[in-house]
Amino acid sequence: WGIDADVVSWDYSMNEAGGIPQGLEAYLRQTRRLIRNPMLIVKDTHLAQQRREMVGNYTSTLIDPVILMSDPAVEPFFGIEDRFRPPGFQQWRVFGAPPGSPGQAAHHPSKKEHEMLGWILAMHFLASLELLALDIPLNCPRPKELPPNPITTNETSSLLFGTKNDIQCRTTFQPIVQGDFSEILINGTVDTGDLLMPKGAMYYQKGWVMDLSDGEKIAKQKLDRFNGLGFVDSKQAFYGIYSSG
């Protein structure tokens, strides 16, 4: 929602499927630089030891960070016939979307996994509310400042890792609360109408063209068969050539 976020989340399956820690560290450092120092929730694999150790080194700079790893809790039940499993682990890889709809990949959480992660977070927040209800004074230490340099890279002068100036971001994900995507351009945009339609070379001669990648167009077309499935994100970008502006 912008610079005043209260909670920020990161999912390894959407960014770095391996154990590479640099991307998460850059994300973490940018999160820590936000005005409210928001809570960080990380969905990761238990195999990513480097990332887990890296986040551990930043714990004193964050407010109540949470790392969710569901695989170790689920795997013991896979050896049991589905009908004999606890209800929360039955039909574990079934998605809530209709059969054949996009996004039902092995690295995407299923309906039951989403429910389990939701319960884990609910219990975590409930514990905090219980302390508040009991009016117990908490002597929580103030978060420390970020280390001047990142841990996982030798870059000491980097916008990405938050060692210089703040990054000003714009997004096409809906709803846009503040800042229009076109503000990143100095001049020259072309209105081409429907983003799913192909764009000819004549458009790029006139200016920057907002469009979707070929892969994103295919995904959108698949979603249209299922009335969008409630998706509001739109991974748009400005495309251009040398003469675009």
Protein backbone atom coordinates (compact mmCIF):
# COMPACT_ATOMS: atom_id res chain seq x y z
CA TRP A 1 0.00 0.00 0.00
CA GLY A 2 2.98 2.37 -0.05
CA ILE A 3 5.47 3.89 2.35
CA ASP A 4 3.12 3.62 5.38
CA ALA A 5 2.72 -0.19 5.30
CA ASP A 6 2.16 -2.00 8.61
CA VAL A 7 2.88 -5.52 7.33
CA VAL A 8 5.02 -6.65 4.39
CA SER A 9 5.18 -10.24 3.09
CA TRP A 10 7.65 -12.14 0.89
CA ASP A 11 7.07 -15.53 -0.77
CA TYR A 12 10.07 -17.46 -2.07
CA SER A 13 8.03 -19.29 -4.71
CA MET A 14 7.21 -15.96 -6.37
CA ASN A 15 10.79 -14.73 -6.37
CA GLU A 16 13.64 -17.13 -5.62
CA ALA A 17 12.82 -20.81 -5.62
CA GLY A 18 16.37 -21.75 -4.56
CA GLY A 19 18.25 -20.80 -1.43
CA ILE A 20 19.81 -17.57 -2.80
CA PRO A 21 19.63 -14.95 -0.03
CA GLN A 22 20.49 -11.70 -1.85
CA GLY A 23 16.97 -10.96 -3.13
CA LEU A 24 15.34 -11.37 0.28
CA GLU A 25 18.05 -9.30 1.95
CA ALA A 26 17.45 -6.41 -0.48
CA TYR A 27 13.69 -6.74 0.16
CA LEU A 28 14.25 -6.86 3.92
CA ARG A 29 16.49 -3.79 3.94
CA GLN A 30 13.99 -1.79 1.90
CA THR A 31 11.22 -2.91 4.27
CA ARG A 32 13.21 -1.75 7.29
CA ARG A 33 13.64 1.69 5.75
CA LEU A 34 9.87 2.29 5.52
CA ILE A 35 8.41 4.84 7.92
CA ARG A 36 6.66 2.41 10.28
CA ASN A 37 9.28 -0.36 10.16
CA PRO A 38 6.50 -2.83 9.24
CA MET A 39 6.25 -6.41 10.39
CA LEU A 40 7.91 -8.82 7.93
CA ILE A 41 6.22 -12.16 7.14
CA VAL A 42 8.30 -14.58 5.06
CA LYS A 43 6.97 -17.73 3.39
CA ASP A 44 10.03 -19.88 2.68
CA THR A 45 11.23 -23.42 2.25
CA HIS A 46 13.00 -25.13 5.14
CA LEU A 47 15.83 -26.01 2.74
CA ALA A 48 16.88 -22.36 2.34
CA GLN A 49 19.35 -22.29 5.23
CA GLN A 50 21.27 -19.28 3.91
CA ARG A 51 18.14 -17.13 3.87
CA ARG A 52 17.12 -18.27 7.34
CA GLU A 53 20.55 -17.40 8.74
CA MET A 54 20.51 -14.05 6.96
CA VAL A 55 17.12 -13.11 8.45
CA GLY A 56 18.42 -14.21 11.86
CA ASN A 57 21.20 -11.66 11.58
CA TYR A 58 18.60 -8.92 11.05
CA THR A 59 16.20 -9.97 13.82
CA SER A 60 17.28 -7.20 16.18
CA THR A 61 16.48 -4.57 13.52
CA LEU A 62 12.93 -5.80 12.82
CA ILE A 63 9.62 -5.77 14.68
CA ASP A 64 8.28 -9.29 15.29
CA PRO A 65 9.41 -10.99 12.05
CA VAL A 66 7.73 -14.31 11.19
CA ILE A 67 9.09 -17.05 8.90
CA LEU A 68 6.56 -19.66 7.75
CA MET A 69 7.78 -23.08 6.58
CA SER A 70 4.97 -25.58 6.09
CA ASP A 71 6.73 -28.58 4.51
CA PRO A 72 8.23 -30.07 7.72
CA ALA A 73 4.79 -30.01 9.40
CA VAL A 74 3.01 -31.62 6.47
CA GLU A 75 5.40 -34.32 5.26
CA PRO A 76 4.74 -36.81 8.13
CA PHE A 77 1.10 -37.04 7.02
CA PHE A 78 1.86 -37.87 3.39
CA GLY A 79 2.51 -41.51 4.31
CA ILE A 80 -1.05 -41.87 5.63
CA GLU A 81 -4.01 -42.60 3.40
CA ASP A 82 -5.86 -39.35 2.75
CA ARG A 83 -9.13 -40.32 4.49
CA PHE A 84 -7.26 -41.15 7.71
CA ARG A 85 -5.38 -37.87 7.91
CA PRO A 86 -6.53 -35.01 10.19
CA PRO A 87 -9.11 -32.88 8.33
CA GLY A 88 -6.66 -30.02 7.82
CA PHE A 89 -4.30 -32.29 5.86
CA GLN A 90 -6.83 -34.10 3.68
CA GLN A 91 -6.84 -33.26 -0.05
CA TRP A 92 -3.69 -31.29 0.60
CA ARG A 93 -2.88 -30.45 -3.02
CA VAL A 94 -6.43 -29.56 -4.09
CA PHE A 95 -6.92 -25.94 -5.16
CA GLY A 96 -10.02 -23.86 -4.62
CA ALA A 97 -10.08 -22.70 -8.23
CA PRO A 98 -11.91 -24.71 -10.94
CA PRO A 99 -10.03 -27.59 -12.62
CA GLY A 100 -7.89 -26.42 -15.52
CA SER A 101 -7.56 -22.85 -14.29
CA PRO A 102 -4.03 -21.34 -14.21
CA GLY A 103 -1.81 -21.10 -11.15
CA GLN A 104 -2.22 -24.69 -9.91
CA ALA A 105 1.51 -25.36 -9.88
CA ALA A 106 3.50 -27.48 -7.44
CA HIS A 107 5.25 -24.44 -5.96
CA HIS A 108 1.98 -22.60 -5.29
CA PRO A 109 0.21 -23.17 -1.96
CA SER A 110 -3.03 -25.13 -2.21
CA LYS A 111 -6.28 -24.21 -0.48
CA LYS A 112 -5.49 -26.28 2.62
CA GLU A 113 -1.97 -24.86 2.88
CA HIS A 114 -3.35 -21.33 2.68
CA GLU A 115 -5.78 -22.21 5.48
CA MET A 116 -3.00 -23.65 7.65
CA LEU A 117 -0.78 -20.60 7.16
CA GLY A 118 -3.75 -18.40 8.03
CA TRP A 119 -4.32 -20.30 11.28
CA ILE A 120 -0.62 -20.05 12.21
CA LEU A 121 -0.65 -16.29 11.73
CA ALA A 122 -3.96 -15.98 13.58
CA MET A 123 -2.53 -17.80 16.61
CA HIS A 124 0.57 -15.63 16.49
CA PHE A 125 -1.48 -12.43 16.54
CA LEU A 126 -3.86 -13.85 19.17
CA ALA A 127 -0.94 -14.38 21.55
CA SER A 128 -0.10 -10.70 21.25
CA LEU A 129 -3.72 -9.71 21.88
CA GLU A 130 -3.83 -11.86 25.02
CA LEU A 131 -0.84 -10.01 26.44
CA LEU A 132 -2.54 -6.72 25.62
CA ALA A 133 -5.80 -7.82 27.24
CA LEU A 134 -3.97 -8.83 30.43
CA ASP A 135 -2.40 -5.37 30.53
CA ILE A 136 1.05 -6.87 31.02
CA PRO A 137 3.82 -4.28 30.66
CA LEU A 138 6.16 -5.32 27.89
CA ASN A 139 9.75 -4.19 27.87
CA CYS A 140 10.34 -4.60 24.16
CA PRO A 141 13.72 -3.32 23.03
CA ARG A 142 13.70 -0.74 20.27
CA PRO A 143 14.78 -2.14 16.92
CA LYS A 144 18.39 -1.46 16.09
CA GLU A 145 19.50 0.40 13.01
CA LEU A 146 20.32 -1.50 9.84
CA PRO A 147 23.93 -2.62 9.37
CA PRO A 148 25.56 -0.08 7.02
CA ASN A 149 26.35 -2.75 4.45
CA PRO A 150 24.49 -5.88 3.30
CA ILE A 151 25.58 -9.29 4.57
CA THR A 152 25.20 -11.44 1.47
CA THR A 153 26.91 -9.21 -1.09
CA ASN A 154 29.93 -6.94 -1.38
CA GLU A 155 27.85 -4.13 -2.83
CA THR A 156 28.43 -1.17 -0.53
CA SER A 157 26.89 1.53 -2.74
CA SER A 158 23.59 0.16 -3.95
CA LEU A 159 20.05 1.50 -4.35
CA LEU A 160 18.70 -2.04 -4.30
CA PHE A 161 20.19 -2.88 -0.90
CA GLY A 162 19.24 0.45 0.66
CA THR A 163 22.75 1.77 1.26
CA LYS A 164 22.23 5.04 -0.63
CA ASN A 165 18.98 6.82 -1.47
CA ASP A 166 15.44 5.54 -1.11
CA ILE A 167 13.86 3.82 -4.09
CA GLN A 168 10.65 5.46 -5.32
CA CYS A 169 8.42 2.75 -6.77
CA ARG A 170 5.35 2.76 -8.98
CA THR A 171 3.06 -0.18 -9.58
CA THR A 172 0.27 -1.34 -11.89
CA PHE A 173 -1.16 -3.71 -9.29
CA GLN A 174 -4.73 -2.67 -8.46
CA PRO A 175 -5.94 -0.75 -6.56
CA ILE A 176 -3.32 2.01 -6.94
CA VAL A 177 -3.53 4.19 -3.83
CA GLN A 178 -0.84 6.71 -4.68
CA GLY A 179 1.36 7.34 -7.72
CA ASP A 180 0.42 6.57 -11.31
CA PHE A 181 2.67 4.28 -13.35
CA SER A 182 2.99 6.85 -16.13
CA GLU A 183 4.87 9.17 -13.76
CA ILE A 184 8.07 7.20 -14.40
CA LEU A 185 8.20 8.58 -17.96
CA ILE A 186 9.49 12.02 -18.86
CA ASN A 187 7.36 12.30 -22.00
CA GLY A 188 5.70 10.38 -24.81
CA THR A 189 3.04 7.75 -24.07
CA VAL A 190 0.68 6.09 -26.54
CA ASP A 191 -2.86 4.96 -25.75
CA THR A 192 -3.35 1.62 -27.53
CA GLY A 193 -6.66 0.60 -25.96
CA ASP A 194 -7.03 -3.06 -25.03
CA LEU A 195 -3.79 -4.36 -23.49
CA LEU A 196 -4.47 -7.88 -24.75
CA MET A 197 -4.44 -6.82 -28.39
CA PRO A 198 -1.19 -7.10 -30.42
CA LYS A 199 0.82 -3.91 -30.93
CA GLY A 200 2.35 -2.95 -34.26
CA ALA A 201 5.62 -1.13 -34.86
CA MET A 202 3.82 2.14 -35.62
CA TYR A 203 2.90 2.54 -31.96
CA TYR A 204 6.52 2.45 -30.79
CA GLN A 205 7.46 5.18 -33.27
CA LYS A 206 5.02 7.53 -31.50
CA GLY A 207 6.08 6.95 -27.89
CA TRP A 208 6.22 4.51 -25.00
CA VAL A 209 3.56 1.82 -25.15
CA MET A 210 1.99 0.31 -22.05
CA ASP A 211 1.60 -3.40 -22.67
CA LEU A 212 1.73 -6.89 -21.19
CA SER A 213 4.40 -9.47 -21.91
CA ASP A 214 3.45 -12.41 -24.14
CA GLY A 215 3.42 -14.73 -21.13
CA GLU A 216 1.19 -12.36 -19.16
CA LYS A 217 -1.26 -12.07 -22.06
CA ILE A 218 -1.58 -15.85 -22.22
CA ALA A 219 -2.19 -15.98 -18.45
CA LYS A 220 -4.84 -13.26 -18.68
CA GLN A 221 -6.60 -15.06 -21.53
CA LYS A 222 -6.72 -18.24 -19.46
CA LEU A 223 -8.13 -16.30 -16.50
CA ASP A 224 -10.84 -14.75 -18.67
CA ARG A 225 -12.30 -18.24 -19.19
CA PHE A 226 -12.91 -18.36 -15.43
CA ASN A 227 -14.14 -14.76 -14.98
CA GLY A 228 -10.75 -13.62 -13.67
CA LEU A 229 -10.89 -15.67 -10.43
CA GLY A 230 -10.85 -12.41 -8.47
CA PHE A 231 -7.36 -11.41 -9.64
CA VAL A 232 -6.77 -7.64 -9.51
CA ASP A 233 -3.06 -7.56 -10.30
CA SER A 234 -1.84 -6.41 -13.69
CA LYS A 235 1.83 -6.81 -14.53
CA GLN A 236 2.02 -4.02 -17.07
CA ALA A 237 5.17 -2.37 -18.39
CA PHE A 238 6.14 0.39 -20.78
CA TYR A 239 7.73 -0.89 -23.97
CA GLY A 240 9.65 1.19 -26.45
CA ILE A 241 12.44 1.57 -28.96
CA TYR A 242 15.12 4.24 -29.42
CA SER A 243 12.70 6.64 -31.08
CA SER A 244 9.97 6.21 -28.46
CA GLY A 245 11.22 9.07 -26.31
